[in-house]
Protein backbone atom coordinates (compact mmCIF):
# COMPACT_ATOMS: atom_id res chain seq x y z
CA MET A 1 67.47 -32.93 -14.24
CA ALA A 2 66.40 -34.30 -17.60
CA ILE A 3 64.62 -33.31 -20.78
CA ALA A 4 62.41 -35.35 -23.06
CA SER A 5 60.59 -34.73 -26.29
CA GLY A 6 57.28 -35.94 -27.64
CA HIS A 7 55.56 -35.10 -30.92
CA ASP A 8 55.81 -31.29 -31.04
CA HIS A 9 56.08 -30.94 -27.26
CA ASN A 10 58.86 -31.00 -24.70
CA LEU A 11 59.29 -31.82 -21.02
CA ALA A 12 61.88 -30.84 -18.45
CA LEU A 13 62.46 -32.49 -15.09
CA LYS A 14 63.67 -29.91 -12.62
CA ARG A 15 66.07 -30.56 -9.74
CA ASP A 16 63.24 -30.24 -7.25
CA GLY A 17 61.40 -33.22 -8.84
CA THR A 18 58.74 -31.19 -10.64
CA VAL A 19 57.97 -31.23 -14.37
CA VAL A 20 57.60 -28.34 -16.82
CA ALA A 21 56.12 -28.84 -20.31
CA TRP A 22 55.78 -26.64 -23.40
CA GLY A 23 54.98 -26.83 -27.09
CA GLN A 24 51.90 -28.06 -28.94
CA ASN A 25 49.08 -28.87 -26.53
CA THR A 26 46.27 -30.07 -28.80
CA LYS A 27 45.56 -33.13 -26.61
CA GLY A 28 46.58 -31.86 -23.17
CA GLN A 29 50.10 -33.27 -23.40
CA THR A 30 51.65 -30.16 -21.84
CA ASN A 31 49.05 -29.82 -19.06
CA VAL A 32 51.19 -31.26 -16.26
CA PRO A 33 48.81 -32.39 -13.50
CA ALA A 34 48.90 -30.23 -10.38
CA ASN A 35 50.92 -31.27 -7.36
CA ARG A 36 53.20 -33.64 -9.29
CA SER A 37 56.44 -33.79 -7.36
CA ASN A 38 59.09 -36.38 -6.50
CA VAL A 39 59.46 -37.21 -10.21
CA VAL A 40 62.66 -39.07 -11.14
CA ALA A 41 62.15 -39.70 -14.89
CA ILE A 42 60.06 -38.33 -17.77
CA ALA A 43 59.06 -39.39 -21.28
CA GLY A 44 57.14 -37.81 -24.13
CA GLY A 45 54.79 -39.74 -26.36
CA TYR A 46 52.93 -38.71 -29.50
CA TYR A 47 50.10 -36.86 -27.74
CA SER A 48 50.89 -37.90 -24.17
CA SER A 49 53.50 -37.43 -21.47
CA LEU A 50 54.62 -39.69 -18.64
CA ALA A 51 56.51 -39.33 -15.41
CA LEU A 52 57.94 -41.86 -12.98
CA LYS A 53 57.79 -40.82 -9.34
CA SER A 54 60.28 -41.86 -6.67
CA ASP A 55 57.70 -44.20 -5.11
CA GLY A 56 57.39 -46.13 -8.39
CA THR A 57 54.08 -44.56 -9.43
CA VAL A 58 53.66 -43.85 -13.14
CA VAL A 59 51.80 -40.61 -13.91
CA PHE A 60 50.42 -39.89 -17.38
CA TRP A 61 48.52 -37.11 -19.08
CA GLY A 62 47.39 -36.22 -22.57
CA THR A 63 45.45 -38.51 -24.85
CA ASN A 64 45.34 -42.26 -25.22
CA ILE A 65 45.08 -42.21 -29.02
CA PHE A 66 47.67 -45.00 -29.46
CA ALA A 67 47.06 -46.74 -26.10
CA SER A 68 50.22 -45.09 -24.81
CA THR A 69 48.64 -44.34 -21.44
CA ASN A 70 47.37 -47.89 -20.84
CA ILE A 71 49.68 -48.78 -17.97
CA PRO A 72 50.29 -52.56 -17.74
CA GLY A 73 49.05 -54.53 -14.76
CA GLY A 74 51.41 -54.76 -11.82
CA LEU A 75 52.41 -51.10 -12.01
CA SER A 76 51.04 -48.41 -9.74
CA TYR A 77 49.68 -45.41 -11.61
CA SER A 78 47.70 -42.22 -11.23
CA ARG A 79 46.15 -39.79 -13.65
């Protein structure tokens, strides 16, 4: 379990590996993508949210206003 905070939004990682989000949602930052499980870590950005899955995949949602969802090469990611 873990919690993280972004700009006016919050995330919680539940024991079952799923993510719950709440707070301001002006850019979709609390719209956790469906079927996201096996999450081991979370982070909140300004208008975005990220999760790291147990297989090493980085999942992001929200807006890319500050290039925060531009995942560097060499990492596996999904949206």
